[in-house]
Amino acid sequence: MCDHRPVCTGPEHVVAAHPEQGWSLRCDGGIVFDDTGELLPDGRAVSPHRSYPAQPLAAA
């Protein structure tokens, strides 16, 4: 998918950003989400990797 010259050495280059929807398309075809999850170009999914523990919701 990347047609940059010289060819990109990593997936860091964003070709389309949609912060209002919470995702960005990288030049390698991967999609990265604001919650740190990813869809890789080969179709595999990467679960979000948060640096803080998930907090349980409070019950009213």
Protein backbone atom coordinates (compact mmCIF):
# COMPACT_ATOMS: atom_id res chain seq x y z
CA MET A 1 0.00 0.00 0.00
CA CYS A 2 2.88 2.37 0.73
CA ASP A 3 4.14 4.11 -2.39
CA HIS A 4 6.58 6.43 -0.65
CA ARG A 5 10.06 6.82 -2.12
CA PRO A 6 12.19 5.78 -0.37
CA VAL A 7 9.90 3.08 0.99
CA CYS A 8 8.82 3.61 4.61
CA THR A 9 10.84 1.58 7.08
CA GLY A 10 8.02 1.27 9.62
CA PRO A 11 4.25 1.57 10.04
CA GLU A 12 4.40 4.97 11.77
CA HIS A 13 3.34 7.05 8.75
CA VAL A 14 -0.36 7.92 8.95
CA VAL A 15 -2.09 8.44 5.60
CA ALA A 16 -5.60 9.13 6.91
CA ALA A 17 -6.56 10.27 10.40
CA HIS A 18 -10.11 10.30 11.77
CA PRO A 19 -9.76 11.39 15.42
CA GLU A 20 -13.48 12.13 15.63
CA GLN A 21 -14.06 8.42 14.96
CA GLY A 22 -11.08 7.20 16.96
CA TRP A 23 -8.90 5.59 14.28
CA SER A 24 -6.06 6.23 11.84
CA LEU A 25 -4.93 4.41 8.68
CA ARG A 26 -1.20 3.74 8.41
CA CYS A 27 0.71 3.54 5.14
CA ASP A 28 1.18 -0.23 5.57
CA GLY A 29 -2.61 -0.73 5.52
CA GLY A 30 -2.96 -1.23 9.28
CA ILE A 31 -5.56 0.61 11.32
CA VAL A 32 -4.73 1.86 14.80
CA PHE A 33 -7.45 2.83 17.26
CA ASP A 34 -7.38 5.45 20.02
CA ASP A 35 -7.68 2.70 22.65
CA THR A 36 -4.34 1.30 21.33
CA GLY A 37 -5.96 -1.68 19.59
CA GLU A 38 -4.96 -2.43 16.00
CA LEU A 39 -6.08 -4.23 12.87
CA LEU A 40 -3.01 -5.42 11.00
CA PRO A 41 -2.78 -5.54 7.20
CA ASP A 42 -2.98 -9.35 7.24
CA GLY A 43 -6.32 -9.24 9.11
CA ARG A 44 -5.05 -10.08 12.58
CA ALA A 45 -6.32 -8.02 15.52
CA VAL A 46 -4.13 -6.69 18.33
CA SER A 47 -5.94 -6.17 21.62
CA PRO A 48 -5.63 -2.79 23.34
CA HIS A 49 -2.55 -2.61 25.55
CA ARG A 50 -3.32 -0.10 28.23
CA SER A 51 -0.72 0.92 30.78
CA TYR A 52 -3.31 1.19 33.56
CA PRO A 53 -5.62 -1.46 35.03
CA ALA A 54 -9.20 -1.49 33.85
CA GLN A 55 -11.50 0.00 36.46
CA PRO A 56 -14.86 -1.68 37.20
CA LEU A 57 -17.92 0.43 36.55
CA ALA A 58 -19.61 1.83 39.63
CA ALA A 59 -23.11 0.57 40.34
CA ALA A 60 -25.70 3.13 41.35
